Amino acid sequence: MAVTVLERRPLTRKRIADAALVFIDAHGLDALSMRKLGAELGVEAMSLYNHVTNKADLLDAVADTLYGDVVRAYGDPVGDWKVHVRALSHAYVDVAAAHPRAVALLITPANGSMSAHEFDARIVEAARRMTDDVRIGALAFATVSNWVIGTLVQEHGLMQGAVERQGEPGTDERVVEFQTVAATITADERFNEGLETVLAGLEARYFPD
């Protein structure tokens, strides 16, 4: 519903981005347009261009908002590198879960996003807690990133198709049993088990002693 005249406040880039994220949550990323967003804010679409260059810039602003949420959710954990990696990973996935229709904006970082840069700084900080070897740290975090982003892609797309194939006629009994058990595993269980396996693998590979 569009805001009333009494509810209008001066437009800012942050307010526009916040409204765009609310719109995306309700209607989806593809439905967003400058005209529709302007209507939600009670202004003409042209007024938005005083704060965002175009739709691509608007999406960058929304992504910046999302990464800001990730940084805040990460907070200031205390502990070794694994504590920090867990906190970063869970913060990222929790924000994605809160805004499932905006996941694509998290997977593809915004151009010039200060919040994304802050997120990257947290990654570097956690890597330094792991090792002084920058290459090992970069490889380790590439591995974690591949797991986290791959999980998001599955949870927000590919996994649905896998569930729909469960129990098709002529399916081997062992396959049916496996699929039945797999279907009882929650998204949180899948994520936590996978993340802990990745962390254990990194520790065994790079720090065997």
C-alpha atoms as a PDB file:
ATOM      1  CA  MET A   1       0.000   0.000   0.000  1.00  0.00           C
ATOM      2  CA  ALA A   2       1.339   3.448  -0.902  1.00  0.00           C
ATOM      3  CA  VAL A   3       2.109   5.809   1.958  1.00  0.00           C
ATOM      4  CA  THR A   4      -0.246   8.706   2.685  1.00  0.00           C
ATOM      5  CA  VAL A   5       0.791  12.345   2.502  1.00  0.00           C
ATOM      6  CA  LEU A   6       0.995  12.526   6.284  1.00  0.00           C
ATOM      7  CA  GLU A   7       3.400   9.573   6.364  1.00  0.00           C
ATOM      8  CA  ARG A   8       5.810  10.984   3.797  1.00  0.00           C
ATOM      9  CA  ARG A   9       9.333  11.754   4.880  1.00  0.00           C
ATOM     10  CA  PRO A  10      12.192  13.223   2.877  1.00  0.00           C
ATOM     11  CA  LEU A  11      13.653  10.702   0.476  1.00  0.00           C
ATOM     12  CA  THR A  12      17.152   9.388   1.098  1.00  0.00           C
ATOM     13  CA  ARG A  13      19.113   6.619  -0.584  1.00  0.00           C
ATOM     14  CA  LYS A  14      18.766   4.513   2.570  1.00  0.00           C
ATOM     15  CA  ARG A  15      15.016   5.010   2.805  1.00  0.00           C
ATOM     16  CA  ILE A  16      14.597   4.111  -0.866  1.00  0.00           C
ATOM     17  CA  ALA A  17      16.743   0.984  -0.440  1.00  0.00           C
ATOM     18  CA  ASP A  18      14.778  -0.090   2.644  1.00  0.00           C
ATOM     19  CA  ALA A  19      11.482   0.374   0.804  1.00  0.00           C
ATOM     20  CA  ALA A  20      12.822  -1.562  -2.188  1.00  0.00           C
ATOM     21  CA  LEU A  21      13.804  -4.457   0.073  1.00  0.00           C
ATOM     22  CA  VAL A  22      10.312  -4.506   1.628  1.00  0.00           C
ATOM     23  CA  PHE A  23       8.862  -4.547  -1.912  1.00  0.00           C
ATOM     24  CA  ILE A  24      11.169  -7.393  -2.975  1.00  0.00           C
ATOM     25  CA  ASP A  25      10.244  -9.396   0.124  1.00  0.00           C
ATOM     26  CA  ALA A  26       6.570  -9.031  -0.758  1.00  0.00           C
ATOM     27  CA  HIS A  27       6.589  -9.284  -4.544  1.00  0.00           C
ATOM     28  CA  GLY A  28       9.938 -10.648  -5.704  1.00  0.00           C
ATOM     29  CA  LEU A  29      13.021  -9.176  -7.325  1.00  0.00           C
ATOM     30  CA  ASP A  30      11.683  -9.334 -10.888  1.00  0.00           C
ATOM     31  CA  ALA A  31       8.566  -7.344  -9.948  1.00  0.00           C
ATOM     32  CA  LEU A  32      10.556  -4.338  -8.725  1.00  0.00           C
ATOM     33  CA  SER A  33      10.470  -1.240 -10.909  1.00  0.00           C
ATOM     34  CA  MET A  34      11.175   2.411 -10.288  1.00  0.00           C
ATOM     35  CA  ARG A  35       7.533   3.266 -11.031  1.00  0.00           C
ATOM     36  CA  LYS A  36       6.155   0.708  -8.576  1.00  0.00           C
ATOM     37  CA  LEU A  37       8.641   1.697  -5.892  1.00  0.00           C
ATOM     38  CA  GLY A  38       7.771   5.343  -6.353  1.00  0.00           C
ATOM     39  CA  ALA A  39       4.113   4.467  -5.866  1.00  0.00           C
ATOM     40  CA  GLU A  40       4.947   2.627  -2.650  1.00  0.00           C
ATOM     41  CA  LEU A  41       6.791   5.687  -1.380  1.00  0.00           C
ATOM     42  CA  GLY A  42       4.081   8.070  -2.550  1.00  0.00           C
ATOM     43  CA  VAL A  43       6.287   9.902  -5.039  1.00  0.00           C
ATOM     44  CA  GLU A  44       6.833  10.031  -8.771  1.00  0.00           C
ATOM     45  CA  ALA A  45       9.445   7.618 -10.080  1.00  0.00           C
ATOM     46  CA  MET A  46      11.555  10.546 -11.300  1.00  0.00           C
ATOM     47  CA  SER A  47      12.048  11.661  -7.680  1.00  0.00           C
ATOM     48  CA  LEU A  48      13.994   8.451  -7.007  1.00  0.00           C
ATOM     49  CA  TYR A  49      16.626   9.399  -9.564  1.00  0.00           C
ATOM     50  CA  ASN A  50      17.842  12.177  -7.280  1.00  0.00           C
ATOM     51  CA  HIS A  51      19.201   9.413  -5.022  1.00  0.00           C
ATOM     52  CA  VAL A  52      19.798   6.373  -7.269  1.00  0.00           C
ATOM     53  CA  THR A  53      21.155   6.511 -10.806  1.00  0.00           C
ATOM     54  CA  ASN A  54      19.050   3.696 -12.243  1.00  0.00           C
ATOM     55  CA  LYS A  55      17.574   0.336 -11.291  1.00  0.00           C
ATOM     56  CA  ALA A  56      21.007  -1.311 -11.180  1.00  0.00           C
ATOM     57  CA  ASP A  57      22.169   1.354  -8.723  1.00  0.00           C
ATOM     58  CA  LEU A  58      18.980   0.796  -6.713  1.00  0.00           C
ATOM     59  CA  LEU A  59      19.751  -2.922  -6.466  1.00  0.00           C
ATOM     60  CA  ASP A  60      23.290  -2.078  -5.354  1.00  0.00           C
ATOM     61  CA  ALA A  61      21.777   0.059  -2.592  1.00  0.00           C
ATOM     62  CA  VAL A  62      19.536  -2.836  -1.522  1.00  0.00           C
ATOM     63  CA  ALA A  63      22.518  -5.200  -1.509  1.00  0.00           C
ATOM     64  CA  ASP A  64      24.404  -2.699   0.634  1.00  0.00           C
ATOM     65  CA  THR A  65      21.498  -2.802   3.103  1.00  0.00           C
ATOM     66  CA  LEU A  66      21.597  -6.607   3.165  1.00  0.00           C
ATOM     67  CA  TYR A  67      25.340  -6.720   3.778  1.00  0.00           C
ATOM     68  CA  GLY A  68      24.895  -4.150   6.533  1.00  0.00           C
ATOM     69  CA  ASP A  69      22.448  -6.560   8.163  1.00  0.00           C
ATOM     70  CA  VAL A  70      25.010  -9.371   7.827  1.00  0.00           C
ATOM     71  CA  VAL A  71      27.734  -7.298   9.492  1.00  0.00           C
ATOM     72  CA  ARG A  72      25.409  -6.368  12.353  1.00  0.00           C
ATOM     73  CA  ALA A  73      24.276  -9.981  12.780  1.00  0.00           C
ATOM     74  CA  TYR A  74      27.925 -11.068  12.883  1.00  0.00           C
ATOM     75  CA  GLY A  75      28.553  -8.762  15.820  1.00  0.00           C
ATOM     76  CA  ASP A  76      31.808  -9.144  17.732  1.00  0.00           C
ATOM     77  CA  PRO A  77      32.313 -12.839  18.536  1.00  0.00           C
ATOM     78  CA  VAL A  78      35.029 -13.991  20.905  1.00  0.00           C
ATOM     79  CA  GLY A  79      37.093 -17.078  20.150  1.00  0.00           C
ATOM     80  CA  ASP A  80      39.363 -18.729  17.608  1.00  0.00           C
ATOM     81  CA  TRP A  81      39.038 -18.601  13.821  1.00  0.00           C
ATOM     82  CA  LYS A  82      36.369 -21.304  13.747  1.00  0.00           C
ATOM     83  CA  VAL A  83      34.132 -19.239  16.046  1.00  0.00           C
ATOM     84  CA  HIS A  84      34.466 -16.287  13.687  1.00  0.00           C
ATOM     85  CA  VAL A  85      33.853 -18.353  10.559  1.00  0.00           C
ATOM     86  CA  ARG A  86      30.739 -19.880  12.115  1.00  0.00           C
ATOM     87  CA  ALA A  87      29.468 -16.435  13.107  1.00  0.00           C
ATOM     88  CA  LEU A  88      30.085 -15.018   9.635  1.00  0.00           C
ATOM     89  CA  SER A  89      28.482 -17.986   7.909  1.00  0.00           C
ATOM     90  CA  HIS A  90      25.400 -18.016  10.109  1.00  0.00           C
ATOM     91  CA  ALA A  91      24.969 -14.240   9.849  1.00  0.00           C
ATOM     92  CA  TYR A  92      25.076 -14.485   6.049  1.00  0.00           C
ATOM     93  CA  VAL A  93      22.634 -17.377   5.872  1.00  0.00           C
ATOM     94  CA  ASP A  94      20.277 -15.878   8.470  1.00  0.00           C
ATOM     95  CA  VAL A  95      19.966 -12.656   6.468  1.00  0.00           C
ATOM     96  CA  ALA A  96      19.342 -14.708   3.329  1.00  0.00           C
ATOM     97  CA  ALA A  97      16.627 -16.647   5.163  1.00  0.00           C
ATOM     98  CA  ALA A  98      15.003 -13.389   6.271  1.00  0.00           C
ATOM     99  CA  HIS A  99      14.955 -12.132   2.665  1.00  0.00           C
ATOM    100  CA  PRO A 100      14.682 -15.241   0.445  1.00  0.00           C
ATOM    101  CA  ARG A 101      13.532 -13.267  -2.587  1.00  0.00           C
ATOM    102  CA  ALA A 102      16.635 -11.078  -2.412  1.00  0.00           C
ATOM    103  CA  VAL A 103      19.211 -13.883  -2.156  1.00  0.00           C
ATOM    104  CA  ALA A 104      20.610 -13.077  -5.604  1.00  0.00           C
ATOM    105  CA  LEU A 105      21.704  -9.674  -4.301  1.00  0.00           C
ATOM    106  CA  LEU A 106      23.738 -11.337  -1.549  1.00  0.00           C
ATOM    107  CA  ILE A 107      25.381 -13.802  -3.896  1.00  0.00           C
ATOM    108  CA  THR A 108      26.451 -11.019  -6.260  1.00  0.00           C
ATOM    109  CA  PRO A 109      28.002  -8.241  -4.124  1.00  0.00           C
ATOM    110  CA  ALA A 110      27.031  -4.638  -4.798  1.00  0.00           C
ATOM    111  CA  ASN A 111      29.361  -2.355  -6.707  1.00  0.00           C
ATOM    112  CA  GLY A 112      31.091  -0.022  -4.276  1.00  0.00           C
ATOM    113  CA  SER A 113      29.105  -1.304  -1.294  1.00  0.00           C
ATOM    114  CA  MET A 114      30.636  -0.061   1.946  1.00  0.00           C
ATOM    115  CA  SER A 115      28.813  -2.773   3.898  1.00  0.00           C
ATOM    116  CA  ALA A 116      30.176  -5.457   1.567  1.00  0.00           C
ATOM    117  CA  HIS A 117      33.666  -4.040   2.144  1.00  0.00           C
ATOM    118  CA  GLU A 118      33.049  -4.238   5.890  1.00  0.00           C
ATOM    119  CA  PHE A 119      31.988  -7.860   5.463  1.00  0.00           C
ATOM    120  CA  ASP A 120      35.184  -8.569   3.513  1.00  0.00           C
ATOM    121  CA  ALA A 121      37.174  -6.929   6.326  1.00  0.00           C
ATOM    122  CA  ARG A 122      35.598  -9.366   8.795  1.00  0.00           C
ATOM    123  CA  ILE A 123      36.654 -12.234   6.535  1.00  0.00           C
ATOM    124  CA  VAL A 124      40.255 -10.957   6.497  1.00  0.00           C
ATOM    125  CA  GLU A 125      40.185 -10.607  10.279  1.00  0.00           C
ATOM    126  CA  ALA A 126      38.996 -14.196  10.688  1.00  0.00           C
ATOM    127  CA  ALA A 127      41.606 -15.417   8.192  1.00  0.00           C
ATOM    128  CA  ARG A 128      44.357 -13.714  10.191  1.00  0.00           C
ATOM    129  CA  ARG A 129      43.158 -15.534  13.285  1.00  0.00           C
ATOM    130  CA  MET A 130      43.578 -18.751  11.335  1.00  0.00           C
ATOM    131  CA  THR A 131      47.036 -18.273   9.846  1.00  0.00           C
ATOM    132  CA  ASP A 132      49.722 -15.770   8.856  1.00  0.00           C
ATOM    133  CA  ASP A 133      49.860 -17.417   5.427  1.00  0.00           C
ATOM    134  CA  VAL A 134      47.609 -15.229   3.269  1.00  0.00           C
ATOM    135  CA  ARG A 135      47.314 -17.858   0.531  1.00  0.00           C
ATOM    136  CA  ILE A 136      46.125 -20.552   2.955  1.00  0.00           C
ATOM    137  CA  GLY A 137      43.662 -18.118   4.469  1.00  0.00           C
ATOM    138  CA  ALA A 138      42.314 -17.185   1.034  1.00  0.00           C
ATOM    139  CA  LEU A 139      41.992 -20.842  -0.009  1.00  0.00           C
ATOM    140  CA  ALA A 140      40.250 -21.718   3.249  1.00  0.00           C
ATOM    141  CA  PHE A 141      37.721 -18.937   2.905  1.00  0.00           C
ATOM    142  CA  ALA A 142      37.120 -19.755  -0.750  1.00  0.00           C
ATOM    143  CA  THR A 143      36.204 -23.263   0.403  1.00  0.00           C
ATOM    144  CA  VAL A 144      33.834 -21.971   3.082  1.00  0.00           C
ATOM    145  CA  SER A 145      32.313 -19.464   0.652  1.00  0.00           C
ATOM    146  CA  ASN A 146      31.706 -22.176  -1.935  1.00  0.00           C
ATOM    147  CA  TRP A 147      29.906 -24.241   0.686  1.00  0.00           C
ATOM    148  CA  VAL A 148      27.766 -21.393   2.012  1.00  0.00           C
ATOM    149  CA  ILE A 149      26.764 -20.003  -1.373  1.00  0.00           C
ATOM    150  CA  GLY A 150      26.186 -23.488  -2.779  1.00  0.00           C
ATOM    151  CA  THR A 151      23.891 -24.201   0.148  1.00  0.00           C
ATOM    152  CA  LEU A 152      21.919 -21.018  -0.493  1.00  0.00           C
ATOM    153  CA  VAL A 153      21.519 -21.899  -4.165  1.00  0.00           C
ATOM    154  CA  GLN A 154      20.215 -25.348  -3.232  1.00  0.00           C
ATOM    155  CA  GLU A 155      17.901 -24.192  -0.465  1.00  0.00           C
ATOM    156  CA  HIS A 156      16.377 -21.491  -2.616  1.00  0.00           C
ATOM    157  CA  GLY A 157      16.040 -23.475  -5.829  1.00  0.00           C
ATOM    158  CA  LEU A 158      17.555 -26.846  -6.618  1.00  0.00           C
ATOM    159  CA  MET A 159      16.439 -28.739  -3.511  1.00  0.00           C
ATOM    160  CA  GLN A 160      12.754 -28.338  -4.368  1.00  0.00           C
ATOM    161  CA  GLY A 161      13.186 -30.284  -7.576  1.00  0.00           C
ATOM    162  CA  ALA A 162      14.992 -33.080  -5.726  1.00  0.00           C
ATOM    163  CA  VAL A 163      12.126 -33.466  -3.251  1.00  0.00           C
ATOM    164  CA  GLU A 164       9.551 -33.576  -6.040  1.00  0.00           C
ATOM    165  CA  ARG A 165      11.321 -36.588  -7.593  1.00  0.00           C
ATOM    166  CA  GLN A 166      11.055 -38.598  -4.378  1.00  0.00           C
ATOM    167  CA  GLY A 167       9.280 -41.937  -4.731  1.00  0.00           C
ATOM    168  CA  GLU A 168       8.831 -41.980  -8.514  1.00  0.00           C
ATOM    169  CA  PRO A 169       7.498 -45.320  -9.882  1.00  0.00           C
ATOM    170  CA  GLY A 170      10.223 -47.905 -10.384  1.00  0.00           C
ATOM    171  CA  THR A 171      12.659 -46.266  -8.002  1.00  0.00           C
ATOM    172  CA  ASP A 172      15.069 -48.688  -6.302  1.00  0.00           C
ATOM    173  CA  GLU A 173      14.078 -49.432  -2.670  1.00  0.00           C
ATOM    174  CA  ARG A 174      17.453 -48.262  -1.388  1.00  0.00           C
ATOM    175  CA  VAL A 175      17.028 -44.994  -3.238  1.00  0.00           C
ATOM    176  CA  VAL A 176      13.532 -44.565  -1.788  1.00  0.00           C
ATOM    177  CA  GLU A 177      14.859 -45.232   1.727  1.00  0.00           C
ATOM    178  CA  PHE A 178      17.693 -42.765   1.237  1.00  0.00           C
ATOM    179  CA  GLN A 179      15.373 -40.076  -0.142  1.00  0.00           C
ATOM    180  CA  THR A 180      12.889 -40.636   2.678  1.00  0.00           C
ATOM    181  CA  VAL A 181      15.543 -40.174   5.353  1.00  0.00           C
ATOM    182  CA  ALA A 182      17.086 -37.224   3.514  1.00  0.00           C
ATOM    183  CA  ALA A 183      13.699 -35.508   3.406  1.00  0.00           C
ATOM    184  CA  THR A 184      13.547 -35.539   7.233  1.00  0.00           C
ATOM    185  CA  ILE A 185      16.805 -33.595   7.572  1.00  0.00           C
ATOM    186  CA  THR A 186      16.101 -29.923   8.161  1.00  0.00           C
ATOM    187  CA  ALA A 187      17.821 -27.061   6.356  1.00  0.00           C
ATOM    188  CA  ASP A 188      19.536 -26.080   9.618  1.00  0.00           C
ATOM    189  CA  GLU A 189      20.855 -29.619  10.100  1.00  0.00           C
ATOM    190  CA  ARG A 190      22.180 -29.743   6.550  1.00  0.00           C
ATOM    191  CA  PHE A 191      23.887 -26.398   6.901  1.00  0.00           C
ATOM    192  CA  ASN A 192      25.398 -27.016  10.345  1.00  0.00           C
ATOM    193  CA  GLU A 193      26.637 -30.504   9.488  1.00  0.00           C
ATOM    194  CA  GLY A 194      28.169 -29.296   6.244  1.00  0.00           C
ATOM    195  CA  LEU A 195      29.807 -26.276   7.824  1.00  0.00           C
ATOM    196  CA  GLU A 196      31.317 -28.317  10.657  1.00  0.00           C
ATOM    197  CA  THR A 197      32.601 -30.874   8.131  1.00  0.00           C
ATOM    198  CA  VAL A 198      34.218 -28.085   6.100  1.00  0.00           C
ATOM    199  CA  LEU A 199      35.832 -26.563   9.195  1.00  0.00           C
ATOM    200  CA  ALA A 200      37.107 -29.954  10.377  1.00  0.00           C
ATOM    201  CA  GLY A 201      38.505 -30.628   6.910  1.00  0.00           C
ATOM    202  CA  LEU A 202      40.299 -27.272   6.802  1.00  0.00           C
ATOM    203  CA  GLU A 203      41.804 -27.826  10.233  1.00  0.00           C
ATOM    204  CA  ALA A 204      42.971 -31.344   9.333  1.00  0.00           C
ATOM    205  CA  ARG A 205      44.448 -30.188   6.018  1.00  0.00           C
ATOM    206  CA  TYR A 206      46.249 -27.036   7.092  1.00  0.00           C
ATOM    207  CA  PHE A 207      46.830 -27.544  10.839  1.00  0.00           C
ATOM    208  CA  PRO A 208      47.236 -31.320  11.367  1.00  0.00           C
ATOM    209  CA  ASP A 209      49.156 -30.864  14.625  1.00  0.00           C
END
